[in-house]
């Protein structure tokens, strides 16, 4: 019975994934307008960030939409299909849970932020135009 349930949900995920990705593509908001200098400052500040994510995870989609809305250039790392990123997420953050924002601080230390709502709030606090 467990095998049947597992294959049912795998099939469901395979069927729904293209629709979720299409929905993300169609509903992603336009990014905020910034001057070239201000965008360069934002790009410099966001170079120390990386988002560990699964492509079709609805919470990851929520965070990616916020990243797009704020016009941030944050590296996305696929923790589902890339074993190196998955291992780095588990080693650094302590668990394989997405979305997870890796924050490299100026002193070289790293922070790991897990919840989509907390990630969005942190990004808005740091990068929302005044």
N, C-alpha and C. Protein backbone atom coordinates (compact mmCIF):
# COMPACT_ATOMS: atom_id res chain seq x y z
N UNK A 1 0.82 -1.20 0.00
CA UNK A 1 0.00 0.00 0.00
C UNK A 1 0.86 1.27 0.00
N UNK A 2 1.97 1.25 0.77
CA UNK A 2 2.86 2.41 0.81
C UNK A 2 3.41 2.72 -0.57
N UNK A 3 3.72 1.69 -1.33
CA UNK A 3 4.29 1.88 -2.66
C UNK A 3 3.27 2.56 -3.58
N UNK A 4 2.03 2.15 -3.48
CA UNK A 4 0.97 2.74 -4.31
C UNK A 4 0.80 4.22 -3.97
N UNK A 5 0.78 4.52 -2.68
CA UNK A 5 0.63 5.91 -2.25
C UNK A 5 1.82 6.74 -2.71
N UNK A 6 3.01 6.20 -2.57
CA UNK A 6 4.22 6.91 -2.99
C UNK A 6 4.18 7.22 -4.49
N UNK A 7 3.81 6.22 -5.31
CA UNK A 7 3.75 6.45 -6.75
C UNK A 7 2.62 7.40 -7.14
N UNK A 8 1.53 7.36 -6.39
CA UNK A 8 0.44 8.29 -6.64
C UNK A 8 0.93 9.73 -6.48
N UNK A 9 1.61 10.01 -5.36
CA UNK A 9 2.07 11.37 -5.11
C UNK A 9 3.21 11.77 -6.05
N UNK A 10 4.04 10.84 -6.44
CA UNK A 10 5.07 11.16 -7.44
C UNK A 10 4.43 11.54 -8.77
N UNK A 11 3.43 10.78 -9.18
CA UNK A 11 2.73 11.07 -10.42
C UNK A 11 2.02 12.41 -10.33
N UNK A 12 1.37 12.65 -9.20
CA UNK A 12 0.69 13.92 -9.01
C UNK A 12 1.67 15.08 -9.09
N UNK A 13 2.83 14.93 -8.47
CA UNK A 13 3.85 15.98 -8.51
C UNK A 13 4.35 16.19 -9.95
N UNK A 14 4.53 15.11 -10.70
CA UNK A 14 4.97 15.24 -12.09
C UNK A 14 3.93 15.96 -12.95
N UNK A 15 2.67 15.71 -12.67
CA UNK A 15 1.60 16.35 -13.44
C UNK A 15 1.47 17.82 -13.07
N UNK A 16 1.59 18.15 -11.78
CA UNK A 16 1.37 19.52 -11.34
C UNK A 16 2.57 20.45 -11.54
N UNK A 17 3.77 19.91 -11.58
CA UNK A 17 4.97 20.74 -11.68
C UNK A 17 4.95 21.71 -12.86
N UNK A 18 4.65 21.27 -14.09
CA UNK A 18 4.63 22.24 -15.19
C UNK A 18 3.63 23.37 -14.99
N UNK A 19 2.48 23.06 -14.38
CA UNK A 19 1.47 24.09 -14.14
C UNK A 19 1.94 25.08 -13.08
N UNK A 20 2.62 24.59 -12.06
CA UNK A 20 3.14 25.47 -11.02
C UNK A 20 4.21 26.40 -11.59
N UNK A 21 5.10 25.85 -12.42
CA UNK A 21 6.16 26.67 -13.00
C UNK A 21 5.60 27.69 -13.99
N UNK A 22 4.59 27.29 -14.76
CA UNK A 22 3.94 28.23 -15.68
C UNK A 22 3.23 29.33 -14.90
N UNK A 23 2.56 28.95 -13.83
CA UNK A 23 1.89 29.94 -12.99
C UNK A 23 2.89 30.93 -12.40
N UNK A 24 4.04 30.43 -11.98
CA UNK A 24 5.08 31.32 -11.45
C UNK A 24 5.54 32.29 -12.53
N UNK A 25 5.76 31.77 -13.72
CA UNK A 25 6.23 32.61 -14.83
C UNK A 25 5.23 33.72 -15.16
N UNK A 26 3.95 33.37 -15.17
CA UNK A 26 2.92 34.32 -15.55
C UNK A 26 2.57 35.32 -14.44
N UNK A 27 2.80 34.95 -13.19
CA UNK A 27 2.38 35.82 -12.10
C UNK A 27 3.53 36.50 -11.36
N UNK A 28 4.75 36.35 -11.83
CA UNK A 28 5.88 37.02 -11.19
C UNK A 28 5.79 38.51 -11.47
N UNK A 29 5.82 39.32 -10.41
CA UNK A 29 5.69 40.77 -10.60
C UNK A 29 6.94 41.39 -11.22
N UNK A 30 6.76 42.57 -11.79
CA UNK A 30 7.92 43.29 -12.32
C UNK A 30 8.75 43.81 -11.16
N UNK A 31 10.03 43.97 -11.40
CA UNK A 31 10.91 44.41 -10.32
C UNK A 31 10.77 45.91 -10.10
N UNK A 32 11.14 46.34 -8.91
CA UNK A 32 11.09 47.75 -8.56
C UNK A 32 12.12 48.51 -9.40
N UNK A 33 11.84 49.78 -9.63
CA UNK A 33 12.76 50.61 -10.41
C UNK A 33 13.77 51.27 -9.48
N UNK A 34 15.03 51.13 -9.84
CA UNK A 34 16.11 51.76 -9.08
C UNK A 34 17.04 52.44 -10.07
N UNK A 35 17.78 53.42 -9.56
CA UNK A 35 18.81 54.04 -10.40
C UNK A 35 19.93 53.02 -10.59
N UNK A 36 20.77 53.28 -11.58
CA UNK A 36 21.87 52.35 -11.86
C UNK A 36 22.81 52.20 -10.68
N UNK A 37 23.10 53.30 -9.98
CA UNK A 37 24.00 53.24 -8.82
C UNK A 37 23.37 52.46 -7.68
N UNK A 38 22.08 52.72 -7.46
CA UNK A 38 21.39 52.02 -6.38
C UNK A 38 21.31 50.52 -6.68
N UNK A 39 21.04 50.17 -7.94
CA UNK A 39 20.98 48.75 -8.32
C UNK A 39 22.35 48.10 -8.16
N UNK A 40 23.41 48.83 -8.47
CA UNK A 40 24.76 48.30 -8.28
C UNK A 40 25.03 48.02 -6.80
N UNK A 41 24.57 48.91 -5.91
CA UNK A 41 24.72 48.69 -4.46
C UNK A 41 23.94 47.46 -4.02
N UNK A 42 22.73 47.31 -4.54
CA UNK A 42 21.89 46.15 -4.20
C UNK A 42 22.55 44.87 -4.71
N UNK A 43 23.08 44.91 -5.94
CA UNK A 43 23.75 43.73 -6.49
C UNK A 43 24.96 43.35 -5.64
N UNK A 44 25.70 44.34 -5.19
CA UNK A 44 26.87 44.09 -4.34
C UNK A 44 26.45 43.47 -3.01
N UNK A 45 25.37 43.97 -2.43
CA UNK A 45 24.89 43.45 -1.15
C UNK A 45 24.30 42.05 -1.28
N UNK A 46 23.72 41.74 -2.44
CA UNK A 46 23.08 40.43 -2.61
C UNK A 46 24.03 39.35 -3.13
N UNK A 47 25.28 39.71 -3.40
CA UNK A 47 26.22 38.70 -3.92
C UNK A 47 26.58 37.66 -2.87
N UNK A 48 26.38 37.97 -1.60
CA UNK A 48 26.71 37.05 -0.52
C UNK A 48 25.51 36.22 -0.08
N UNK A 49 24.47 36.16 -0.91
CA UNK A 49 23.27 35.41 -0.60
C UNK A 49 23.10 34.26 -1.59
N UNK A 50 22.56 33.15 -1.11
CA UNK A 50 22.23 32.02 -1.99
C UNK A 50 20.95 31.39 -1.48
N UNK A 51 20.05 31.06 -2.40
CA UNK A 51 18.78 30.44 -2.04
C UNK A 51 18.82 28.97 -2.41
N UNK A 52 18.75 28.11 -1.40
CA UNK A 52 18.61 26.67 -1.63
C UNK A 52 17.14 26.39 -1.81
N UNK A 53 16.78 25.69 -2.88
CA UNK A 53 15.38 25.55 -3.23
C UNK A 53 15.12 24.30 -4.04
N UNK A 54 13.85 23.93 -4.12
CA UNK A 54 13.35 22.91 -5.05
C UNK A 54 12.56 23.68 -6.10
N UNK A 55 12.67 23.31 -7.33
CA UNK A 55 12.07 24.06 -8.42
C UNK A 55 10.55 24.23 -8.27
N UNK A 56 9.84 23.17 -7.89
CA UNK A 56 8.37 23.23 -7.86
C UNK A 56 7.80 23.40 -6.47
N UNK A 57 8.61 23.69 -5.48
CA UNK A 57 8.12 23.90 -4.11
C UNK A 57 7.35 25.22 -4.06
N UNK A 58 6.09 25.21 -3.59
CA UNK A 58 5.31 26.45 -3.57
C UNK A 58 5.91 27.52 -2.67
N UNK A 59 6.56 27.13 -1.60
CA UNK A 59 7.19 28.12 -0.71
C UNK A 59 8.42 28.72 -1.35
N UNK A 60 9.13 27.91 -2.13
CA UNK A 60 10.29 28.42 -2.88
C UNK A 60 9.84 29.38 -3.97
N UNK A 61 8.73 29.06 -4.62
CA UNK A 61 8.17 29.94 -5.65
C UNK A 61 7.81 31.29 -5.03
N UNK A 62 7.23 31.26 -3.84
CA UNK A 62 6.88 32.49 -3.13
C UNK A 62 8.12 33.36 -2.89
N UNK A 63 9.21 32.74 -2.48
CA UNK A 63 10.45 33.49 -2.22
C UNK A 63 11.06 33.98 -3.53
N UNK A 64 11.05 33.15 -4.57
CA UNK A 64 11.61 33.57 -5.86
C UNK A 64 10.84 34.75 -6.44
N UNK A 65 9.52 34.77 -6.24
CA UNK A 65 8.72 35.91 -6.71
C UNK A 65 9.12 37.19 -5.99
N UNK A 66 9.37 37.08 -4.68
CA UNK A 66 9.80 38.26 -3.92
C UNK A 66 11.18 38.72 -4.37
N UNK A 67 12.06 37.78 -4.64
CA UNK A 67 13.40 38.12 -5.15
C UNK A 67 13.27 38.87 -6.48
N UNK A 68 12.39 38.38 -7.36
CA UNK A 68 12.18 39.04 -8.65
C UNK A 68 11.56 40.42 -8.46
N UNK A 69 10.59 40.54 -7.54
CA UNK A 69 9.94 41.83 -7.30
C UNK A 69 10.93 42.86 -6.79
N UNK A 70 11.85 42.44 -5.94
CA UNK A 70 12.84 43.36 -5.40
C UNK A 70 14.03 43.58 -6.34
N UNK A 71 14.07 42.85 -7.46
CA UNK A 71 15.14 43.03 -8.43
C UNK A 71 16.50 42.58 -7.91
N UNK A 72 16.51 41.46 -7.19
CA UNK A 72 17.75 40.97 -6.59
C UNK A 72 18.40 39.91 -7.46
N UNK A 73 19.72 39.91 -7.47
CA UNK A 73 20.48 38.88 -8.19
C UNK A 73 21.03 37.91 -7.16
N UNK A 74 20.19 36.97 -6.75
CA UNK A 74 20.57 35.97 -5.76
C UNK A 74 20.71 34.63 -6.46
N UNK A 75 21.83 33.97 -6.19
CA UNK A 75 22.07 32.65 -6.78
C UNK A 75 21.07 31.66 -6.21
N UNK A 76 20.43 30.87 -7.08
CA UNK A 76 19.55 29.80 -6.63
C UNK A 76 20.28 28.48 -6.79
N UNK A 77 20.17 27.65 -5.77
CA UNK A 77 20.85 26.36 -5.76
C UNK A 77 19.81 25.26 -5.60
N UNK A 78 19.82 24.32 -6.54
CA UNK A 78 18.85 23.23 -6.55
C UNK A 78 19.27 22.14 -5.57
N UNK A 79 18.61 22.10 -4.42
CA UNK A 79 18.93 21.12 -3.39
C UNK A 79 18.21 19.80 -3.62
N UNK A 80 17.37 19.74 -4.64
CA UNK A 80 16.63 18.51 -4.92
C UNK A 80 17.41 17.60 -5.86
N UNK A 81 18.00 18.17 -6.90
CA UNK A 81 18.66 17.37 -7.93
C UNK A 81 20.18 17.46 -7.92
N UNK A 82 20.74 18.36 -7.14
CA UNK A 82 22.19 18.53 -7.09
C UNK A 82 22.70 18.03 -5.74
N UNK A 83 23.38 16.88 -5.72
CA UNK A 83 23.82 16.31 -4.44
C UNK A 83 24.81 17.19 -3.68
N UNK A 84 25.61 17.97 -4.40
CA UNK A 84 26.56 18.86 -3.73
C UNK A 84 25.82 19.96 -2.95
N UNK A 85 24.82 20.56 -3.58
CA UNK A 85 24.05 21.61 -2.91
C UNK A 85 23.24 21.02 -1.75
N UNK A 86 22.70 19.83 -1.95
CA UNK A 86 21.94 19.16 -0.89
C UNK A 86 22.84 18.89 0.32
N UNK A 87 24.05 18.40 0.07
CA UNK A 87 25.00 18.12 1.15
C UNK A 87 25.43 19.41 1.85
N UNK A 88 25.65 20.48 1.08
CA UNK A 88 26.04 21.77 1.67
C UNK A 88 24.92 22.32 2.54
N UNK A 89 23.68 22.16 2.10
CA UNK A 89 22.53 22.62 2.88
C UNK A 89 22.43 21.85 4.20
N UNK A 90 22.61 20.55 4.13
CA UNK A 90 22.53 19.73 5.33
C UNK A 90 23.68 20.02 6.28
N UNK A 91 24.88 20.17 5.73
CA UNK A 91 26.06 20.43 6.57
C UNK A 91 26.00 21.83 7.19
N UNK A 92 25.63 22.83 6.42
CA UNK A 92 25.63 24.20 6.91
C UNK A 92 24.42 24.55 7.73
N UNK A 93 23.24 24.21 7.23
CA UNK A 93 22.01 24.57 7.91
C UNK A 93 21.53 23.55 8.91
N UNK A 94 22.04 22.33 8.81
CA UNK A 94 21.66 21.29 9.76
C UNK A 94 20.54 20.39 9.31
N UNK A 95 19.86 20.74 8.23
CA UNK A 95 18.77 19.90 7.73
C UNK A 95 18.49 20.23 6.27
N UNK A 96 17.86 19.29 5.58
CA UNK A 96 17.48 19.52 4.18
C UNK A 96 16.03 19.96 4.19
N UNK A 97 15.85 21.28 4.25
CA UNK A 97 14.53 21.89 4.23
C UNK A 97 14.63 23.14 3.37
N UNK A 98 13.69 23.31 2.48
CA UNK A 98 13.70 24.46 1.59
C UNK A 98 12.41 25.24 1.75
N UNK A 99 12.40 26.52 1.42
CA UNK A 99 13.53 27.32 0.98
C UNK A 99 14.45 27.65 2.16
N UNK A 100 15.71 27.86 1.83
CA UNK A 100 16.70 28.24 2.83
C UNK A 100 17.62 29.29 2.22
N UNK A 101 17.73 30.41 2.87
CA UNK A 101 18.60 31.48 2.40
C UNK A 101 19.90 31.43 3.19
N UNK A 102 20.99 31.23 2.46
CA UNK A 102 22.32 31.24 3.08
C UNK A 102 22.84 32.68 3.01
N UNK A 103 23.21 33.19 4.16
CA UNK A 103 23.68 34.57 4.27
C UNK A 103 25.13 34.55 4.74
N UNK A 104 26.03 35.02 3.89
CA UNK A 104 27.44 35.11 4.28
C UNK A 104 27.68 36.53 4.78
N UNK A 105 28.03 36.65 6.06
CA UNK A 105 28.24 37.95 6.69
C UNK A 105 29.64 38.48 6.37
N UNK A 106 29.82 39.77 6.63
CA UNK A 106 31.10 40.43 6.32
C UNK A 106 32.27 39.82 7.07
N UNK A 107 32.02 39.30 8.29
CA UNK A 107 33.10 38.71 9.08
C UNK A 107 33.43 37.27 8.66
N UNK A 108 32.74 36.76 7.63
CA UNK A 108 33.01 35.42 7.11
C UNK A 108 32.10 34.35 7.67
N UNK A 109 31.32 34.68 8.68
CA UNK A 109 30.39 33.68 9.24
C UNK A 109 29.18 33.53 8.31
N UNK A 110 28.46 32.44 8.51
CA UNK A 110 27.29 32.17 7.67
C UNK A 110 26.04 32.04 8.54
N UNK A 111 24.94 32.53 8.01
CA UNK A 111 23.65 32.38 8.65
C UNK A 111 22.72 31.63 7.70
N UNK A 112 21.79 30.89 8.25
CA UNK A 112 20.85 30.10 7.45
C UNK A 112 19.44 30.47 7.89
N UNK A 113 18.63 30.96 6.97
CA UNK A 113 17.26 31.40 7.25
C UNK A 113 16.32 30.45 6.51
N UNK A 114 15.39 29.80 7.24
CA UNK A 114 14.61 28.72 6.65
C UNK A 114 13.19 29.05 6.21
N UNK A 115 12.40 29.71 6.95
CA UNK A 115 10.98 29.87 6.62
C UNK A 115 10.76 30.91 5.53
N UNK A 116 9.85 30.61 4.59
CA UNK A 116 9.62 31.52 3.45
C UNK A 116 9.17 32.89 3.92
N UNK A 117 8.30 32.95 4.92
CA UNK A 117 7.84 34.24 5.44
C UNK A 117 8.97 35.04 6.07
N UNK A 118 9.84 34.35 6.80
CA UNK A 118 10.98 35.02 7.42
C UNK A 118 11.98 35.49 6.36
N UNK A 119 12.17 34.68 5.33
CA UNK A 119 13.08 35.07 4.24
C UNK A 119 12.54 36.31 3.55
N UNK A 120 11.24 36.30 3.22
CA UNK A 120 10.64 37.47 2.56
C UNK A 120 10.76 38.71 3.43
N UNK A 121 10.47 38.59 4.72
CA UNK A 121 10.55 39.74 5.62
C UNK A 121 11.98 40.26 5.70
N UNK A 122 12.97 39.36 5.77
CA UNK A 122 14.37 39.78 5.84
C UNK A 122 14.78 40.50 4.56
N UNK A 123 14.38 39.97 3.40
CA UNK A 123 14.71 40.60 2.12
C UNK A 123 14.04 41.97 2.01
N UNK A 124 12.78 42.07 2.42
CA UNK A 124 12.07 43.35 2.35
C UNK A 124 12.71 44.37 3.28
N UNK A 125 13.08 43.96 4.47
CA UNK A 125 13.70 44.86 5.43
C UNK A 125 15.03 45.39 4.90
N UNK A 126 15.75 44.55 4.21
CA UNK A 126 17.08 44.92 3.74
C UNK A 126 17.07 45.63 2.37
N UNK A 127 16.17 45.22 1.48
CA UNK A 127 16.26 45.69 0.08
C UNK A 127 15.06 46.48 -0.43
N UNK A 128 14.00 46.63 0.37
CA UNK A 128 12.82 47.38 -0.09
C UNK A 128 13.21 48.85 -0.28
N UNK A 129 12.91 49.41 -1.46
CA UNK A 129 13.22 50.84 -1.67
C UNK A 129 12.41 51.71 -0.73
N UNK A 130 13.02 52.81 -0.31
CA UNK A 130 12.34 53.72 0.64
C UNK A 130 11.23 54.49 -0.03
